[in-house]
Amino acid sequence: MRLRVARHTTDLNKMIAFYQDVLGFRQLGAFEDHSSYNGVFLGLPGENWHLEFTVSPEHPQHHPDEDDLLVLYPESKEVFTKMLTKARKAGAEEVKAKNPYWNKHGITIVDPDGFRVVLVMVH
């Protein structure tokens, strides 16, 4: 099975910068003017998952909830630290998670669309 998580955004460049430059994802593909949509696929080569972000003339009607989370499990403590350092340098907002479990086991940051990303600490 493969997994794609797709989300519409208002600023594709901000999403690419955040997920690629801050979190270390790679651009796996992109498309332009597909029924008025432009988009990008971000993930890690060789994995069976990726994120898709799209833009179109119609703006999204997002209402991120504090429990809407993208949870990432970096493969090592070094990768976790590198991701967190880049997020802080980029000015990503750190927030307290609504679910106390994530405060105990990770750090929650906010992406450019206002959705929360949890970086889980590796033990």
PDB file of N, CA and C in Angstrom:
ATOM      1  N   MET A   1       0.838  -1.170   0.000  1.00  0.00           N
ATOM      2  CA  MET A   1       0.000   0.000   0.000  1.00  0.00           C
ATOM      3  C   MET A   1       0.884   1.235   0.000  1.00  0.00           C
ATOM      4  N   ARG A   2       0.436   2.243  -0.721  1.00  0.00           N
ATOM      5  CA  ARG A   2       1.121   3.529  -0.720  1.00  0.00           C
ATOM      6  C   ARG A   2       0.182   4.554  -0.105  1.00  0.00           C
ATOM      7  N   LEU A   3       0.760   5.620   0.448  1.00  0.00           N
ATOM      8  CA  LEU A   3      -0.027   6.654   1.103  1.00  0.00           C
ATOM      9  C   LEU A   3       0.347   8.018   0.552  1.00  0.00           C
ATOM     10  N   ARG A   4      -0.671   8.792   0.193  1.00  0.00           N
ATOM     11  CA  ARG A   4      -0.483  10.191  -0.191  1.00  0.00           C
ATOM     12  C   ARG A   4      -1.438  11.008   0.672  1.00  0.00           C
ATOM     13  N   VAL A   5      -0.897  12.024   1.311  1.00  0.00           N
ATOM     14  CA  VAL A   5      -1.713  12.971   2.054  1.00  0.00           C
ATOM     15  C   VAL A   5      -1.708  14.245   1.227  1.00  0.00           C
ATOM     16  N   ALA A   6      -2.883  14.664   0.771  1.00  0.00           N
ATOM     17  CA  ALA A   6      -2.990  15.827  -0.108  1.00  0.00           C
ATOM     18  C   ALA A   6      -3.690  16.969   0.618  1.00  0.00           C
ATOM     19  N   ARG A   7      -3.154  18.171   0.402  1.00  0.00           N
ATOM     20  CA  ARG A   7      -3.758  19.343   1.032  1.00  0.00           C
ATOM     21  C   ARG A   7      -3.599  20.552   0.114  1.00  0.00           C
ATOM     22  N   HIS A   8      -4.650  21.311   0.011  1.00  0.00           N
ATOM     23  CA  HIS A   8      -4.664  22.533  -0.771  1.00  0.00           C
ATOM     24  C   HIS A   8      -4.091  23.663   0.084  1.00  0.00           C
ATOM     25  N   THR A   9      -3.368  24.579  -0.517  1.00  0.00           N
ATOM     26  CA  THR A   9      -2.714  25.658   0.214  1.00  0.00           C
ATOM     27  C   THR A   9      -2.846  26.962  -0.565  1.00  0.00           C
ATOM     28  N   THR A  10      -2.477  28.054   0.050  1.00  0.00           N
ATOM     29  CA  THR A  10      -2.492  29.335  -0.656  1.00  0.00           C
ATOM     30  C   THR A  10      -1.100  29.724  -1.150  1.00  0.00           C
ATOM     31  N   ASP A  11      -0.048  29.095  -0.613  1.00  0.00           N
ATOM     32  CA  ASP A  11       1.309  29.474  -0.992  1.00  0.00           C
ATOM     33  C   ASP A  11       2.189  28.233  -1.095  1.00  0.00           C
ATOM     34  N   LEU A  12       2.298  27.735  -2.297  1.00  0.00           N
ATOM     35  CA  LEU A  12       3.076  26.524  -2.546  1.00  0.00           C
ATOM     36  C   LEU A  12       4.543  26.703  -2.172  1.00  0.00           C
ATOM     37  N   ASN A  13       5.094  27.875  -2.454  1.00  0.00           N
ATOM     38  CA  ASN A  13       6.511  28.108  -2.157  1.00  0.00           C
ATOM     39  C   ASN A  13       6.804  28.036  -0.660  1.00  0.00           C
ATOM     40  N   LYS A  14       5.916  28.572   0.170  1.00  0.00           N
ATOM     41  CA  LYS A  14       6.113  28.488   1.622  1.00  0.00           C
ATOM     42  C   LYS A  14       6.060  27.045   2.099  1.00  0.00           C
ATOM     43  N   MET A  15       5.155  26.257   1.514  1.00  0.00           N
ATOM     44  CA  MET A  15       5.042  24.853   1.918  1.00  0.00           C
ATOM     45  C   MET A  15       6.287  24.072   1.501  1.00  0.00           C
ATOM     46  N   ILE A  16       6.770  24.338   0.291  1.00  0.00           N
ATOM     47  CA  ILE A  16       7.988  23.663  -0.171  1.00  0.00           C
ATOM     48  C   ILE A  16       9.156  24.030   0.736  1.00  0.00           C
ATOM     49  N   ALA A  17       9.310  25.312   1.040  1.00  0.00           N
ATOM     50  CA  ALA A  17      10.411  25.748   1.900  1.00  0.00           C
ATOM     51  C   ALA A  17      10.330  25.082   3.269  1.00  0.00           C
ATOM     52  N   PHE A  18       9.149  25.019   3.846  1.00  0.00           N
ATOM     53  CA  PHE A  18       9.011  24.433   5.177  1.00  0.00           C
ATOM     54  C   PHE A  18       9.301  22.931   5.160  1.00  0.00           C
ATOM     55  N   TYR A  19       8.630  22.194   4.301  1.00  0.00           N
ATOM     56  CA  TYR A  19       8.767  20.737   4.323  1.00  0.00           C
ATOM     57  C   TYR A  19      10.078  20.256   3.703  1.00  0.00           C
ATOM     58  N   GLN A  20      10.609  20.997   2.763  1.00  0.00           N
ATOM     59  CA  GLN A  20      11.867  20.594   2.131  1.00  0.00           C
ATOM     60  C   GLN A  20      13.068  21.145   2.889  1.00  0.00           C
ATOM     61  N   ASP A  21      13.120  22.444   3.080  1.00  0.00           N
ATOM     62  CA  ASP A  21      14.302  23.067   3.661  1.00  0.00           C
ATOM     63  C   ASP A  21      14.376  22.886   5.177  1.00  0.00           C
ATOM     64  N   VAL A  22      13.234  22.902   5.845  1.00  0.00           N
ATOM     65  CA  VAL A  22      13.226  22.777   7.301  1.00  0.00           C
ATOM     66  C   VAL A  22      13.173  21.313   7.739  1.00  0.00           C
ATOM     67  N   LEU A  23      12.244  20.541   7.171  1.00  0.00           N
ATOM     68  CA  LEU A  23      12.057  19.166   7.641  1.00  0.00           C
ATOM     69  C   LEU A  23      12.829  18.121   6.838  1.00  0.00           C
ATOM     70  N   GLY A  24      13.450  18.523   5.746  1.00  0.00           N
ATOM     71  CA  GLY A  24      14.321  17.604   5.018  1.00  0.00           C
ATOM     72  C   GLY A  24      13.640  16.708   4.007  1.00  0.00           C
ATOM     73  N   PHE A  25      12.374  16.968   3.667  1.00  0.00           N
ATOM     74  CA  PHE A  25      11.718  16.190   2.622  1.00  0.00           C
ATOM     75  C   PHE A  25      12.331  16.583   1.287  1.00  0.00           C
ATOM     76  N   ARG A  26      12.128  15.753   0.289  1.00  0.00           N
ATOM     77  CA  ARG A  26      12.627  16.048  -1.051  1.00  0.00           C
ATOM     78  C   ARG A  26      11.452  16.181  -2.013  1.00  0.00           C
ATOM     79  N   GLN A  27      11.652  16.999  -3.037  1.00  0.00           N
ATOM     80  CA  GLN A  27      10.612  17.121  -4.047  1.00  0.00           C
ATOM     81  C   GLN A  27      10.683  15.896  -4.947  1.00  0.00           C
ATOM     82  N   LEU A  28       9.622  15.103  -4.954  1.00  0.00           N
ATOM     83  CA  LEU A  28       9.568  13.868  -5.720  1.00  0.00           C
ATOM     84  C   LEU A  28       8.914  14.067  -7.083  1.00  0.00           C
ATOM     85  N   GLY A  29       8.230  15.182  -7.242  1.00  0.00           N
ATOM     86  CA  GLY A  29       7.561  15.466  -8.503  1.00  0.00           C
ATOM     87  C   GLY A  29       6.756  16.740  -8.376  1.00  0.00           C
ATOM     88  N   ALA A  30       6.218  17.175  -9.495  1.00  0.00           N
ATOM     89  CA  ALA A  30       5.402  18.386  -9.516  1.00  0.00           C
ATOM     90  C   ALA A  30       4.551  18.368 -10.774  1.00  0.00           C
ATOM     91  N   PHE A  31       3.532  19.214 -10.783  1.00  0.00           N
ATOM     92  CA  PHE A  31       2.701  19.345 -11.977  1.00  0.00           C
ATOM     93  C   PHE A  31       2.183  20.773 -12.061  1.00  0.00           C
ATOM     94  N   GLU A  32       1.861  21.195 -13.291  1.00  0.00           N
ATOM     95  CA  GLU A  32       1.339  22.540 -13.529  1.00  0.00           C
ATOM     96  C   GLU A  32       0.087  22.463 -14.382  1.00  0.00           C
ATOM     97  N   ASP A  33      -0.853  23.331 -14.060  1.00  0.00           N
ATOM     98  CA  ASP A  33      -2.089  23.509 -14.815  1.00  0.00           C
ATOM     99  C   ASP A  33      -2.817  22.192 -15.087  1.00  0.00           C
ATOM    100  N   HIS A  34      -2.964  21.404 -14.065  1.00  0.00           N
ATOM    101  CA  HIS A  34      -3.767  20.181 -14.146  1.00  0.00           C
ATOM    102  C   HIS A  34      -5.176  20.548 -13.694  1.00  0.00           C
ATOM    103  N   SER A  35      -6.023  20.905 -14.652  1.00  0.00           N
ATOM    104  CA  SER A  35      -7.385  21.384 -14.357  1.00  0.00           C
ATOM    105  C   SER A  35      -7.342  22.574 -13.406  1.00  0.00           C
ATOM    106  N   SER A  36      -6.457  23.508 -13.678  1.00  0.00           N
ATOM    107  CA  SER A  36      -6.252  24.747 -12.912  1.00  0.00           C
ATOM    108  C   SER A  36      -5.499  24.543 -11.601  1.00  0.00           C
ATOM    109  N   TYR A  37      -4.950  23.387 -11.382  1.00  0.00           N
ATOM    110  CA  TYR A  37      -4.174  23.108 -10.174  1.00  0.00           C
ATOM    111  C   TYR A  37      -2.698  22.981 -10.515  1.00  0.00           C
ATOM    112  N   ASN A  38      -1.857  23.546  -9.647  1.00  0.00           N
ATOM    113  CA  ASN A  38      -0.423  23.298  -9.664  1.00  0.00           C
ATOM    114  C   ASN A  38      -0.114  22.575  -8.369  1.00  0.00           C
ATOM    115  N   GLY A  39       0.879  21.710  -8.405  1.00  0.00           N
ATOM    116  CA  GLY A  39       1.166  20.975  -7.185  1.00  0.00           C
ATOM    117  C   GLY A  39       2.566  20.427  -7.124  1.00  0.00           C
ATOM    118  N   VAL A  40       2.885  19.927  -5.948  1.00  0.00           N
ATOM    119  CA  VAL A  40       4.199  19.363  -5.683  1.00  0.00           C
ATOM    120  C   VAL A  40       4.032  18.145  -4.781  1.00  0.00           C
ATOM    121  N   PHE A  41       4.893  17.159  -4.984  1.00  0.00           N
ATOM    122  CA  PHE A  41       4.933  15.966  -4.149  1.00  0.00           C
ATOM    123  C   PHE A  41       6.217  16.020  -3.331  1.00  0.00           C
ATOM    124  N   LEU A  42       6.106  15.934  -2.030  1.00  0.00           N
ATOM    125  CA  LEU A  42       7.258  15.987  -1.128  1.00  0.00           C
ATOM    126  C   LEU A  42       7.282  14.745  -0.273  1.00  0.00           C
ATOM    127  N   GLY A  43       8.451  14.173  -0.110  1.00  0.00           N
ATOM    128  CA  GLY A  43       8.595  12.973   0.709  1.00  0.00           C
ATOM    129  C   GLY A  43      10.049  12.571   0.780  1.00  0.00           C
ATOM    130  N   LEU A  44      10.274  11.287   0.915  1.00  0.00           N
ATOM    131  CA  LEU A  44      11.622  10.739   0.933  1.00  0.00           C
ATOM    132  C   LEU A  44      11.718   9.661  -0.137  1.00  0.00           C
ATOM    133  N   PRO A  45      12.735   9.724  -0.987  1.00  0.00           N
ATOM    134  CA  PRO A  45      12.872   8.731  -2.050  1.00  0.00           C
ATOM    135  C   PRO A  45      12.866   7.307  -1.495  1.00  0.00           C
ATOM    136  N   GLY A  46      12.176   6.411  -2.196  1.00  0.00           N
ATOM    137  CA  GLY A  46      12.142   5.007  -1.811  1.00  0.00           C
ATOM    138  C   GLY A  46      11.086   4.655  -0.779  1.00  0.00           C
ATOM    139  N   GLU A  47      10.421   5.643  -0.219  1.00  0.00           N
ATOM    140  CA  GLU A  47       9.366   5.378   0.760  1.00  0.00           C
ATOM    141  C   GLU A  47       8.025   5.245   0.042  1.00  0.00           C
ATOM    142  N   ASN A  48       7.056   4.648   0.717  1.00  0.00           N
ATOM    143  CA  ASN A  48       5.736   4.435   0.127  1.00  0.00           C
ATOM    144  C   ASN A  48       4.726   5.492   0.555  1.00  0.00           C
ATOM    145  N   TRP A  49       5.191   6.683   0.825  1.00  0.00           N
ATOM    146  CA  TRP A  49       4.299   7.769   1.231  1.00  0.00           C
ATOM    147  C   TRP A  49       4.857   9.088   0.701  1.00  0.00           C
ATOM    148  N   HIS A  50       3.995  10.051   0.572  1.00  0.00           N
ATOM    149  CA  HIS A  50       4.428  11.419   0.271  1.00  0.00           C
ATOM    150  C   HIS A  50       3.285  12.377   0.564  1.00  0.00           C
ATOM    151  N   LEU A  51       3.644  13.644   0.658  1.00  0.00           N
ATOM    152  CA  LEU A  51       2.671  14.710   0.840  1.00  0.00           C
ATOM    153  C   LEU A  51       2.494  15.413  -0.497  1.00  0.00           C
ATOM    154  N   GLU A  52       1.268  15.793  -0.785  1.00  0.00           N
ATOM    155  CA  GLU A  52       0.983  16.575  -1.987  1.00  0.00           C
ATOM    156  C   GLU A  52       0.387  17.904  -1.547  1.00  0.00           C
ATOM    157  N   PHE A  53       0.944  18.981  -2.039  1.00  0.00           N
ATOM    158  CA  PHE A  53       0.390  20.306  -1.784  1.00  0.00           C
ATOM    159  C   PHE A  53       0.005  20.901  -3.126  1.00  0.00           C
ATOM    160  N   THR A  54      -1.188  21.505  -3.186  1.00  0.00           N
ATOM    161  CA  THR A  54      -1.690  22.075  -4.424  1.00  0.00           C
ATOM    162  C   THR A  54      -2.143  23.513  -4.213  1.00  0.00           C
ATOM    163  N   VAL A  55      -2.143  24.263  -5.297  1.00  0.00           N
ATOM    164  CA  VAL A  55      -2.724  25.614  -5.332  1.00  0.00           C
ATOM    165  C   VAL A  55      -3.621  25.689  -6.562  1.00  0.00           C
ATOM    166  N   SER A  56      -4.619  26.558  -6.481  1.00  0.00           N
ATOM    167  CA  SER A  56      -5.516  26.811  -7.605  1.00  0.00           C
ATOM    168  C   SER A  56      -6.130  28.185  -7.399  1.00  0.00           C
ATOM    169  N   PRO A  57      -6.903  28.655  -8.365  1.00  0.00           N
ATOM    170  CA  PRO A  57      -7.549  29.956  -8.178  1.00  0.00           C
ATOM    171  C   PRO A  57      -8.496  29.986  -6.973  1.00  0.00           C
ATOM    172  N   GLU A  58      -8.980  28.843  -6.562  1.00  0.00           N
ATOM    173  CA  GLU A  58      -9.873  28.773  -5.405  1.00  0.00           C
ATOM    174  C   GLU A  58      -9.056  28.528  -4.140  1.00  0.00           C
ATOM    175  N   HIS A  59      -9.206  29.396  -3.160  1.00  0.00           N
ATOM    176  CA  HIS A  59      -8.435  29.272  -1.923  1.00  0.00           C
ATOM    177  C   HIS A  59      -9.051  28.230  -0.984  1.00  0.00           C
ATOM    178  N   PRO A  60      -8.214  27.547  -0.203  1.00  0.00           N
ATOM    179  CA  PRO A  60      -8.721  26.552   0.736  1.00  0.00           C
ATOM    180  C   PRO A  60      -9.513  27.214   1.869  1.00  0.00           C
ATOM    181  N   GLN A  61     -10.350  26.430   2.487  1.00  0.00           N
ATOM    182  CA  GLN A  61     -11.137  26.881   3.635  1.00  0.00           C
ATOM    183  C   GLN A  61     -10.708  26.093   4.865  1.00  0.00           C
ATOM    184  N   HIS A  62      -9.420  26.136   5.181  1.00  0.00           N
ATOM    185  CA  HIS A  62      -8.867  25.368   6.297  1.00  0.00           C
ATOM    186  C   HIS A  62      -9.301  25.922   7.645  1.00  0.00           C
ATOM    187  N   HIS A  63      -9.486  25.011   8.552  1.00  0.00           N
ATOM    188  CA  HIS A  63      -9.741  25.344   9.948  1.00  0.00           C
ATOM    189  C   HIS A  63      -8.968  24.333  10.791  1.00  0.00           C
ATOM    190  N   PRO A  64      -7.632  24.484  10.850  1.00  0.00           N
ATOM    191  CA  PRO A  64      -6.830  23.495  11.587  1.00  0.00           C
ATOM    192  C   PRO A  64      -7.261  23.407  13.045  1.00  0.00           C
ATOM    193  N   ASP A  65      -7.368  22.217  13.515  1.00  0.00           N
ATOM    194  CA  ASP A  65      -7.722  21.926  14.896  1.00  0.00           C
ATOM    195  C   ASP A  65      -6.436  21.556  15.640  1.00  0.00           C
ATOM    196  N   GLU A  66      -6.399  21.793  16.924  1.00  0.00           N
ATOM    197  CA  GLU A  66      -5.197  21.480  17.709  1.00  0.00           C
ATOM    198  C   GLU A  66      -4.859  19.993  17.710  1.00  0.00           C
ATOM    199  N   ASP A  67      -5.834  19.151  17.380  1.00  0.00           N
ATOM    200  CA  ASP A  67      -5.586  17.711  17.329  1.00  0.00           C
ATOM    201  C   ASP A  67      -5.352  17.201  15.905  1.00  0.00           C
ATOM    202  N   ASP A  68      -5.312  18.085  14.904  1.00  0.00           N
ATOM    203  CA  ASP A  68      -4.952  17.699  13.539  1.00  0.00           C
ATOM    204  C   ASP A  68      -3.430  17.718  13.471  1.00  0.00           C
ATOM    205  N   LEU A  69      -2.835  16.550  13.457  1.00  0.00           N
ATOM    206  CA  LEU A  69      -1.378  16.454  13.564  1.00  0.00           C
ATOM    207  C   LEU A  69      -0.774  15.631  12.436  1.00  0.00           C
ATOM    208  N   LEU A  70       0.379  16.051  11.999  1.00  0.00           N
ATOM    209  CA  LEU A  70       1.243  15.232  11.171  1.00  0.00           C
ATOM    210  C   LEU A  70       2.376  14.853  12.109  1.00  0.00           C
ATOM    211  N   VAL A  71       2.516  13.572  12.401  1.00  0.00           N
ATOM    212  CA  VAL A  71       3.504  13.122  13.376  1.00  0.00           C
ATOM    213  C   VAL A  71       4.677  12.494  12.627  1.00  0.00           C
ATOM    214  N   LEU A  72       5.869  13.021  12.878  1.00  0.00           N
ATOM    215  CA  LEU A  72       7.083  12.533  12.232  1.00  0.00           C
ATOM    216  C   LEU A  72       7.988  11.874  13.265  1.00  0.00           C
ATOM    217  N   TYR A  73       8.545  10.743  12.883  1.00  0.00           N
ATOM    218  CA  TYR A  73       9.457   9.994  13.746  1.00  0.00           C
ATOM    219  C   TYR A  73      10.836   9.967  13.083  1.00  0.00           C
ATOM    220  N   PRO A  74      11.668  10.980  13.334  1.00  0.00           N
ATOM    221  CA  PRO A  74      13.015  10.980  12.754  1.00  0.00           C
ATOM    222  C   PRO A  74      13.762   9.700  13.155  1.00  0.00           C
ATOM    223  N   GLU A  75      14.618   9.224  12.243  1.00  0.00           N
ATOM    224  CA  GLU A  75      15.267   7.930  12.460  1.00  0.00           C
ATOM    225  C   GLU A  75      16.370   7.937  13.509  1.00  0.00           C
ATOM    226  N   SER A  76      16.801   9.109  13.940  1.00  0.00           N
ATOM    227  CA  SER A  76      17.837   9.159  14.972  1.00  0.00           C
ATOM    228  C   SER A  76      17.712  10.462  15.758  1.00  0.00           C
ATOM    229  N   LYS A  77      18.392  10.488  16.895  1.00  0.00           N
ATOM    230  CA  LYS A  77      18.403  11.700  17.713  1.00  0.00           C
ATOM    231  C   LYS A  77      19.066  12.846  16.961  1.00  0.00           C
ATOM    232  N   GLU A  78      20.092  12.530  16.164  1.00  0.00           N
ATOM    233  CA  GLU A  78      20.801  13.547  15.389  1.00  0.00           C
ATOM    234  C   GLU A  78      19.867  14.184  14.352  1.00  0.00           C
ATOM    235  N   VAL A  79      19.068  13.360  13.684  1.00  0.00           N
ATOM    236  CA  VAL A  79      18.133  13.886  12.674  1.00  0.00           C
ATOM    237  C   VAL A  79      17.049  14.717  13.361  1.00  0.00           C
ATOM    238  N   PHE A  80      16.563  14.259  14.496  1.00  0.00           N
ATOM    239  CA  PHE A  80      15.575  15.023  15.272  1.00  0.00           C
ATOM    240  C   PHE A  80      16.135  16.404  15.614  1.00  0.00           C
ATOM    241  N   THR A  81      17.351  16.438  16.141  1.00  0.00           N
ATOM    242  CA  THR A  81      17.984  17.693  16.547  1.00  0.00           C
ATOM    243  C   THR A  81      18.191  18.611  15.346  1.00  0.00           C
ATOM    244  N   LYS A  82      18.608  18.058  14.221  1.00  0.00           N
ATOM    245  CA  LYS A  82      18.816  18.841  13.006  1.00  0.00           C
ATOM    246  C   LYS A  82      17.498  19.450  12.528  1.00  0.00           C
ATOM    247  N   MET A  83      16.421  18.656  12.528  1.00  0.00           N
ATOM    248  CA  MET A  83      15.112  19.155  12.101  1.00  0.00           C
ATOM    249  C   MET A  83      14.635  20.274  13.025  1.00  0.00           C
ATOM    250  N   LEU A  84      14.776  20.077  14.326  1.00  0.00           N
ATOM    251  CA  LEU A  84      14.321  21.070  15.290  1.00  0.00           C
ATOM    252  C   LEU A  84      15.138  22.360  15.175  1.00  0.00           C
ATOM    253  N   THR A  85      16.440  22.229  14.998  1.00  0.00           N
ATOM    254  CA  THR A  85      17.304  23.397  14.842  1.00  0.00           C
ATOM    255  C   THR A  85      16.908  24.201  13.607  1.00  0.00           C
ATOM    256  N   LYS A  86      16.683  23.511  12.482  1.00  0.00           N
ATOM    257  CA  LYS A  86      16.280  24.200  11.252  1.00  0.00           C
ATOM    258  C   LYS A  86      14.918  24.872  11.428  1.00  0.00           C
ATOM    259  N   ALA A  87      13.999  24.197  12.106  1.00  0.00           N
ATOM    260  CA  ALA A  87      12.666  24.773  12.334  1.00  0.00           C
ATOM    261  C   ALA A  87      12.775  26.049  13.155  1.00  0.00           C
ATOM    262  N   ARG A  88      13.590  26.020  14.192  1.00  0.00           N
ATOM    263  CA  ARG A  88      13.762  27.205  15.028  1.00  0.00           C
ATOM    264  C   ARG A  88      14.425  28.337  14.248  1.00  0.00           C
ATOM    265  N   LYS A  89      15.440  28.032  13.457  1.00  0.00           N
ATOM    266  CA  LYS A  89      16.114  29.055  12.648  1.00  0.00           C
ATOM    267  C   LYS A  89      15.167  29.671  11.629  1.00  0.00           C
ATOM    268  N   ALA A  90      14.237  28.862  11.118  1.00  0.00           N
ATOM    269  CA  ALA A  90      13.280  29.346  10.118  1.00  0.00           C
ATOM    270  C   ALA A  90      12.126  30.114  10.760  1.00  0.00           C
ATOM    271  N   GLY A  91      12.091  30.141  12.090  1.00  0.00           N
ATOM    272  CA  GLY A  91      11.040  30.875  12.781  1.00  0.00           C
ATOM    273  C   GLY A  91       9.743  30.112  12.940  1.00  0.00           C
ATOM    274  N   ALA A  92       9.787  28.796  12.793  1.00  0.00           N
ATOM    275  CA  ALA A  92       8.573  27.994  12.972  1.00  0.00           C
ATOM    276  C   ALA A  92       8.089  28.130  14.414  1.00  0.00           C
ATOM    277  N   GLU A  93       6.819  28.368  14.552  1.00  0.00           N
ATOM    278  CA  GLU A  93       6.231  28.529  15.877  1.00  0.00           C
ATOM    279  C   GLU A  93       6.180  27.179  16.592  1.00  0.00           C
ATOM    280  N   GLU A  94       6.664  27.157  17.830  1.00  0.00           N
ATOM    281  CA  GLU A  94       6.532  25.969  18.678  1.00  0.00           C
ATOM    282  C   GLU A  94       5.325  26.184  19.575  1.00  0.00           C
ATOM    283  N   VAL A  95       4.481  25.162  19.649  1.00  0.00           N
ATOM    284  CA  VAL A  95       3.273  25.265  20.460  1.00  0.00           C
ATOM    285  C   VAL A  95       3.155  24.047  21.370  1.00  0.00           C
ATOM    286  N   LYS A  96       2.399  24.219  22.413  1.00  0.00           N
ATOM    287  CA  LYS A  96       2.107  23.109  23.301  1.00  0.00           C
ATOM    288  C   LYS A  96       1.006  22.275  22.657  1.00  0.00           C
ATOM    289  N   ALA A  97       1.179  20.979  22.643  1.00  0.00           N
ATOM    290  CA  ALA A  97       0.167  20.097  22.070  1.00  0.00           C
ATOM    291  C   ALA A  97      -1.038  20.000  23.001  1.00  0.00           C
ATOM    292  N   LYS A  98      -2.199  19.858  22.424  1.00  0.00           N
ATOM    293  CA  LYS A  98      -3.416  19.687  23.218  1.00  0.00           C
ATOM    294  C   LYS A  98      -3.376  18.351  23.969  1.00  0.00           C
ATOM    295  N   ASN A  99      -2.906  17.322  23.272  1.00  0.00           N
ATOM    296  CA  ASN A  99      -2.773  15.995  23.881  1.00  0.00           C
ATOM    297  C   ASN A  99      -1.436  15.954  24.625  1.00  0.00           C
ATOM    298  N   PRO A 100      -1.447  15.795  25.945  1.00  0.00           N
ATOM    299  CA  PRO A 100      -0.205  15.834  26.729  1.00  0.00           C
ATOM    300  C   PRO A 100       0.816  14.766  26.331  1.00  0.00           C
ATOM    301  N   TYR A 101       0.377  13.700  25.695  1.00  0.00           N
ATOM    302  CA  TYR A 101       1.299  12.651  25.252  1.00  0.00           C
ATOM    303  C   TYR A 101       2.384  13.240  24.352  1.00  0.00           C
ATOM    304  N   TRP A 102       1.969  14.122  23.421  1.00  0.00           N
ATOM    305  CA  TRP A 102       2.928  14.674  22.470  1.00  0.00           C
ATOM    306  C   TRP A 102       3.889  15.652  23.126  1.00  0.00           C
ATOM    307  N   ASN A 103       3.471  16.310  24.199  1.00  0.00           N
ATOM    308  CA  ASN A 103       4.390  17.192  24.934  1.00  0.00           C
ATOM    309  C   ASN A 103       5.464  16.388  25.644  1.00  0.00           C
ATOM    310  N   LYS A 104       5.103  15.200  26.075  1.00  0.00           N
ATOM    311  CA  LYS A 104       6.053  14.333  26.778  1.00  0.00           C
ATOM    312  C   LYS A 104       7.037  13.670  25.804  1.00  0.00           C
ATOM    313  N   HIS A 105       6.574  13.379  24.584  1.00  0.00           N
ATOM    314  CA  HIS A 105       7.380  12.585  23.653  1.00  0.00           C
ATOM    315  C   HIS A 105       7.885  13.339  22.428  1.00  0.00           C
ATOM    316  N   GLY A 106       7.543  14.615  22.307  1.00  0.00           N
ATOM    317  CA  GLY A 106       7.979  15.338  21.119  1.00  0.00           C
ATOM    318  C   GLY A 106       7.839  16.833  21.271  1.00  0.00           C
ATOM    319  N   ILE A 107       8.055  17.502  20.161  1.00  0.00           N
ATOM    320  CA  ILE A 107       7.911  18.950  20.094  1.00  0.00           C
ATOM    321  C   ILE A 107       6.991  19.251  18.923  1.00  0.00           C
ATOM    322  N   THR A 108       6.031  20.122  19.158  1.00  0.00           N
ATOM    323  CA  THR A 108       5.046  20.456  18.135  1.00  0.00           C
ATOM    324  C   THR A 108       5.370  21.825  17.546  1.00  0.00           C
ATOM    325  N   ILE A 109       5.439  21.867  16.215  1.00  0.00           N
ATOM    326  CA  ILE A 109       5.649  23.112  15.490  1.00  0.00           C
ATOM    327  C   ILE A 109       4.469  23.321  14.539  1.00  0.00           C
ATOM    328  N   VAL A 110       4.367  24.527  14.013  1.00  0.00           N
ATOM    329  CA  VAL A 110       3.247  24.870  13.140  1.00  0.00           C
ATOM    330  C   VAL A 110       3.761  25.145  11.730  1.00  0.00           C
ATOM    331  N   ASP A 111       3.110  24.525  10.737  1.00  0.00           N
ATOM    332  CA  ASP A 111       3.529  24.761   9.355  1.00  0.00           C
ATOM    333  C   ASP A 111       2.915  26.068   8.839  1.00  0.00           C
ATOM    334  N   PRO A 112       3.298  26.522   7.644  1.00  0.00           N
ATOM    335  CA  PRO A 112       2.813  27.807   7.138  1.00  0.00           C
ATOM    336  C   PRO A 112       1.297  27.927   6.996  1.00  0.00           C
ATOM    337  N   ASP A 113       0.590  26.808   6.912  1.00  0.00           N
ATOM    338  CA  ASP A 113      -0.872  26.835   6.815  1.00  0.00           C
ATOM    339  C   ASP A 113      -1.553  26.794   8.183  1.00  0.00           C
ATOM    340  N   GLY A 114      -0.760  26.692   9.245  1.00  0.00           N
ATOM    341  CA  GLY A 114      -1.344  26.641  10.583  1.00  0.00           C
ATOM    342  C   GLY A 114      -1.592  25.237  11.103  1.00  0.00           C
ATOM    343  N   PHE A 115      -1.171  24.217  10.348  1.00  0.00           N
ATOM    344  CA  PHE A 115      -1.323  22.844  10.807  1.00  0.00           C
ATOM    345  C   PHE A 115      -0.121  22.450  11.655  1.00  0.00           C
ATOM    346  N   ARG A 116      -0.365  21.565  12.583  1.00  0.00           N
ATOM    347  CA  ARG A 116       0.680  21.178  13.539  1.00  0.00           C
ATOM    348  C   ARG A 116       1.439  19.945  13.074  1.00  0.00           C
ATOM    349  N   VAL A 117       2.754  19.993  13.299  1.00  0.00           N
ATOM    350  CA  VAL A 117       3.652  18.892  12.987  1.00  0.00           C
ATOM    351  C   VAL A 117       4.375  18.536  14.281  1.00  0.00           C
ATOM    352  N   VAL A 118       4.292  17.268  14.660  1.00  0.00           N
ATOM    353  CA  VAL A 118       4.974  16.820  15.870  1.00  0.00           C
ATOM    354  C   VAL A 118       6.248  16.091  15.468  1.00  0.00           C
ATOM    355  N   LEU A 119       7.353  16.536  16.017  1.00  0.00           N
ATOM    356  CA  LEU A 119       8.627  15.834  15.858  1.00  0.00           C
ATOM    357  C   LEU A 119       8.807  14.990  17.110  1.00  0.00           C
ATOM    358  N   VAL A 120       8.791  13.687  16.944  1.00  0.00           N
ATOM    359  CA  VAL A 120       8.882  12.786  18.094  1.00  0.00           C
ATOM    360  C   VAL A 120      10.342  12.524  18.406  1.00  0.00           C
ATOM    361  N   MET A 121      10.695  12.695  19.686  1.00  0.00           N
ATOM    362  CA  MET A 121      12.065  12.480  20.125  1.00  0.00           C
ATOM    363  C   MET A 121      12.407  10.995  20.095  1.00  0.00           C
ATOM    364  N   VAL A 122      13.568  10.696  19.556  1.00  0.00           N
ATOM    365  CA  VAL A 122      14.047   9.316  19.498  1.00  0.00           C
ATOM    366  C   VAL A 122      14.790   9.018  20.790  1.00  0.00           C
ATOM    367  N   HIS A 123      14.517   7.868  21.344  1.00  0.00           N
ATOM    368  CA  HIS A 123      15.164   7.481  22.613  1.00  0.00           C
ATOM    369  C   HIS A 123      16.389   6.646  22.358  1.00  0.00           C
TER     370      HIS A 123
END
